[in-house]
Amino acid sequence: MFIDYLTLMLINMVAGLVLLAAWIFLDVGTPGERRWVPGMLMAGFLALATGLHMIFTWPLVGSYNILYGEMSVFYGILLVGVGFTVMMGLDLLPVAIYAEFVGLAAVLIGIQVLKLDLTQHPTISGVGFIWMGLVGLGAVPMLRMRSVPAFRIFGAAGLLIAAVIWGVTGYMAYWGHVKPFAKWKPVHMQYEMQMNNPQ
């Protein structure tokens, strides 16, 4: 049995999406927007750390390391970028342009997930990647129209829809992972048991 931490990555992503949605809806462009920075950085650094570990160690089978590891790195660096940009009071345009390229990659991954029937729930995962990609592709237009309340509502709603999609996936994964791993033992404990109970 292999060990993975997709559940951690998924729920962290959901938390980050909700924080981004709240920032856009409530405080973007206002003096109070810096209050969202700690949450953005928390979610961003965790996504970055787990994603980097995944792409360098490949703990999952096949291309799942690309789907979740690389996308987690992109997502994490975007959250960290937004957090630091807001904290320093800088222009968000470079971060939004970066999000366009990440968005296109997420759309392509979502199409492949649906086409190749990947993951235990390919429809929801494929739609999740595609939807996240569309949100990323809308980053520059949304940034340019952030002073219009309707566009802020649209942007926040898009992020919340993504949070719901990945929240369903993540919490189903938590529910499904607990039972199979309930009796798992680390390798050194398995070895000790074999030594103590030779057959």
Protein backbone atom coordinates (compact mmCIF):
# COMPACT_ATOMS: atom_id res chain seq x y z
CA MET A 1 0.00 0.00 0.00
CA PHE A 2 1.38 3.40 -0.94
CA ILE A 3 0.96 6.47 1.20
CA ASP A 4 -0.24 9.73 -0.27
CA TYR A 5 -1.43 13.06 1.03
CA LEU A 6 -3.95 14.06 -1.62
CA THR A 7 -6.57 14.63 1.05
CA LEU A 8 -4.34 17.24 2.68
CA MET A 9 -3.66 18.90 -0.66
CA LEU A 10 -7.32 18.98 -1.69
CA ILE A 11 -8.73 20.44 1.52
CA ASN A 12 -5.88 22.97 1.66
CA MET A 13 -6.84 24.01 -1.87
CA VAL A 14 -10.47 24.37 -0.84
CA ALA A 15 -9.49 26.60 2.09
CA GLY A 16 -7.32 28.75 -0.19
CA LEU A 17 -10.12 29.11 -2.75
CA VAL A 18 -12.58 30.22 -0.08
CA LEU A 19 -10.06 32.75 1.26
CA LEU A 20 -9.49 34.13 -2.25
CA ALA A 21 -13.24 34.37 -2.82
CA ALA A 22 -13.74 36.23 0.47
CA TRP A 23 -10.88 38.62 -0.35
CA ILE A 24 -12.30 39.39 -3.81
CA PHE A 25 -15.87 39.80 -2.58
CA LEU A 26 -15.17 41.76 0.60
CA ASP A 27 -11.89 43.61 0.46
CA VAL A 28 -10.06 43.61 -2.87
CA GLY A 29 -8.51 47.02 -3.47
CA THR A 30 -9.39 48.32 0.01
CA PRO A 31 -7.13 49.11 2.97
CA GLY A 32 -8.54 46.05 4.78
CA GLU A 33 -7.40 43.55 2.17
CA ARG A 34 -4.18 42.76 4.01
CA ARG A 35 -6.13 40.82 6.65
CA TRP A 36 -6.40 37.96 4.13
CA VAL A 37 -2.64 37.68 3.61
CA PRO A 38 -1.88 35.20 6.44
CA GLY A 39 -4.49 32.73 5.19
CA MET A 40 -3.30 33.05 1.59
CA LEU A 41 0.30 32.44 2.61
CA MET A 42 -0.63 29.48 4.82
CA ALA A 43 -2.54 27.76 2.02
CA GLY A 44 0.04 28.78 -0.56
CA PHE A 45 3.09 27.50 1.28
CA LEU A 46 1.40 24.19 2.12
CA ALA A 47 0.32 23.66 -1.50
CA LEU A 48 3.81 24.56 -2.69
CA ALA A 49 5.56 22.24 -0.21
CA THR A 50 3.35 19.21 -0.86
CA GLY A 51 3.36 19.80 -4.61
CA LEU A 52 7.15 20.07 -4.76
CA HIS A 53 7.52 16.91 -2.70
CA MET A 54 5.15 15.08 -5.03
CA ILE A 55 6.87 16.12 -8.26
CA PHE A 56 10.30 15.17 -6.94
CA THR A 57 9.35 11.84 -5.31
CA TRP A 58 6.37 10.60 -7.38
CA PRO A 59 4.52 8.83 -4.52
CA LEU A 60 1.45 8.17 -6.68
CA VAL A 61 1.02 5.82 -9.61
CA GLY A 62 1.42 7.10 -13.15
CA SER A 63 0.44 10.57 -14.23
CA TYR A 64 -1.39 11.44 -11.00
CA ASN A 65 1.85 13.01 -9.78
CA ILE A 66 1.63 15.43 -12.70
CA LEU A 67 -2.09 16.13 -12.24
CA TYR A 68 -1.90 16.88 -8.55
CA GLY A 69 1.77 17.63 -7.90
CA GLU A 70 2.44 20.14 -10.65
CA MET A 71 -0.95 21.80 -10.31
CA SER A 72 -0.37 22.11 -6.56
CA VAL A 73 2.96 23.85 -7.19
CA PHE A 74 1.28 26.26 -9.60
CA TYR A 75 -1.61 26.88 -7.20
CA GLY A 76 0.71 27.34 -4.24
CA ILE A 77 2.99 29.80 -5.97
CA LEU A 78 -0.01 31.79 -7.17
CA LEU A 79 -1.42 32.03 -3.64
CA VAL A 80 1.97 33.02 -2.26
CA GLY A 81 2.33 35.56 -5.07
CA VAL A 82 -1.08 37.08 -4.36
CA GLY A 83 -0.37 37.14 -0.63
CA PHE A 84 2.98 38.90 -0.94
CA THR A 85 1.66 41.29 -3.60
CA VAL A 86 -1.27 42.34 -1.42
CA MET A 87 0.97 42.59 1.64
CA MET A 88 3.46 44.83 -0.18
CA GLY A 89 0.78 46.87 -1.96
CA LEU A 90 2.12 46.02 -5.42
CA ASP A 91 0.39 45.63 -8.78
CA LEU A 92 -1.34 42.26 -9.18
CA LEU A 93 -1.09 42.26 -12.99
CA PRO A 94 2.06 40.07 -13.21
CA VAL A 95 0.44 37.49 -10.92
CA ALA A 96 -2.75 37.57 -13.00
CA ILE A 97 -0.77 37.07 -16.23
CA TYR A 98 0.97 34.06 -14.64
CA ALA A 99 -2.48 32.70 -13.71
CA GLU A 100 -3.48 32.76 -17.39
CA PHE A 101 -0.81 30.21 -18.28
CA VAL A 102 -1.66 28.05 -15.27
CA GLY A 103 -5.34 28.26 -16.19
CA LEU A 104 -4.68 26.94 -19.68
CA ALA A 105 -2.66 24.03 -18.26
CA ALA A 106 -5.51 23.18 -15.85
CA VAL A 107 -8.04 23.14 -18.71
CA LEU A 108 -5.83 20.78 -20.73
CA ILE A 109 -5.38 18.48 -17.71
CA GLY A 110 -9.13 18.45 -17.09
CA ILE A 111 -9.78 17.42 -20.68
CA GLN A 112 -7.24 14.59 -20.37
CA VAL A 113 -8.78 13.42 -17.08
CA LEU A 114 -12.17 13.13 -18.80
CA LYS A 115 -10.74 11.63 -21.99
CA LEU A 116 -8.59 9.00 -20.24
CA ASP A 117 -11.10 8.30 -17.43
CA LEU A 118 -8.53 9.11 -14.73
CA THR A 119 -9.16 9.24 -10.96
CA GLN A 120 -11.89 7.39 -9.06
CA HIS A 121 -14.38 10.10 -10.03
CA PRO A 122 -13.21 11.34 -13.44
CA THR A 123 -16.22 13.51 -14.17
CA ILE A 124 -15.97 15.60 -11.03
CA SER A 125 -12.15 15.75 -11.18
CA GLY A 126 -12.12 16.65 -14.87
CA VAL A 127 -14.75 19.33 -14.39
CA GLY A 128 -12.84 20.59 -11.34
CA PHE A 129 -9.62 21.05 -13.31
CA ILE A 130 -11.43 22.66 -16.24
CA TRP A 131 -13.38 25.01 -13.99
CA MET A 132 -10.24 26.02 -12.09
CA GLY A 133 -8.58 26.63 -15.44
CA LEU A 134 -11.39 28.89 -16.61
CA VAL A 135 -11.16 30.86 -13.37
CA GLY A 136 -7.41 31.24 -13.97
CA LEU A 137 -8.00 32.36 -17.56
CA GLY A 138 -10.34 35.02 -16.22
CA ALA A 139 -7.72 36.48 -13.86
CA VAL A 140 -6.61 39.41 -16.03
CA PRO A 141 -10.14 40.52 -17.05
CA MET A 142 -11.31 40.19 -13.45
CA LEU A 143 -8.37 42.24 -12.22
CA ARG A 144 -9.09 44.99 -14.72
CA MET A 145 -12.77 45.11 -13.71
CA ARG A 146 -12.38 44.61 -9.97
CA SER A 147 -13.96 47.98 -9.20
CA VAL A 148 -17.27 46.79 -10.70
CA PRO A 149 -19.25 44.95 -7.98
CA ALA A 150 -20.87 42.55 -10.48
CA PHE A 151 -17.49 41.30 -11.63
CA ARG A 152 -16.28 40.85 -8.05
CA ILE A 153 -19.38 38.78 -7.34
CA PHE A 154 -18.76 36.76 -10.51
CA GLY A 155 -15.11 36.14 -9.57
CA ALA A 156 -15.91 35.17 -5.99
CA ALA A 157 -18.71 32.87 -7.16
CA GLY A 158 -16.35 31.18 -9.62
CA LEU A 159 -13.86 30.48 -6.85
CA LEU A 160 -16.58 29.21 -4.51
CA ILE A 161 -17.89 26.83 -7.19
CA ALA A 162 -14.35 25.48 -7.56
CA ALA A 163 -14.14 25.14 -3.76
CA VAL A 164 -17.36 23.11 -3.71
CA ILE A 165 -16.17 20.79 -6.51
CA TRP A 166 -12.83 20.11 -4.84
CA GLY A 167 -14.40 20.05 -1.39
CA VAL A 168 -16.67 17.20 -2.44
CA THR A 169 -13.66 15.38 -3.90
CA GLY A 170 -11.47 16.01 -0.86
CA TYR A 171 -14.00 15.03 1.79
CA MET A 172 -15.00 11.91 -0.17
CA ALA A 173 -11.31 11.04 -0.26
CA TYR A 174 -11.01 11.53 3.51
CA TRP A 175 -14.02 9.26 4.03
CA GLY A 176 -12.60 6.64 1.69
CA HIS A 177 -9.00 6.72 2.95
CA VAL A 178 -9.59 6.11 6.64
CA LYS A 179 -10.76 2.48 6.44
CA PRO A 180 -8.09 1.13 4.06
CA PHE A 181 -5.32 2.72 6.09
CA ALA A 182 -6.73 1.79 9.52
CA LYS A 183 -4.44 -1.25 9.91
CA TRP A 184 -1.46 0.06 7.97
CA LYS A 185 1.89 -0.24 9.71
CA PRO A 186 5.19 1.48 8.86
CA VAL A 187 7.79 -0.72 7.19
CA HIS A 188 9.96 -0.99 10.31
CA MET A 189 6.97 -2.24 12.35
CA GLN A 190 6.11 -4.78 9.66
CA TYR A 191 9.70 -6.01 9.80
CA GLU A 192 9.64 -6.26 13.60
CA MET A 193 6.41 -8.26 13.46
CA GLN A 194 7.96 -10.67 10.96
CA MET A 195 11.04 -11.09 13.16
CA ASN A 196 8.93 -11.69 16.27
CA ASN A 197 6.59 -14.09 14.53
CA PRO A 198 8.71 -16.19 12.14
CA GLN A 199 6.85 -18.84 10.20
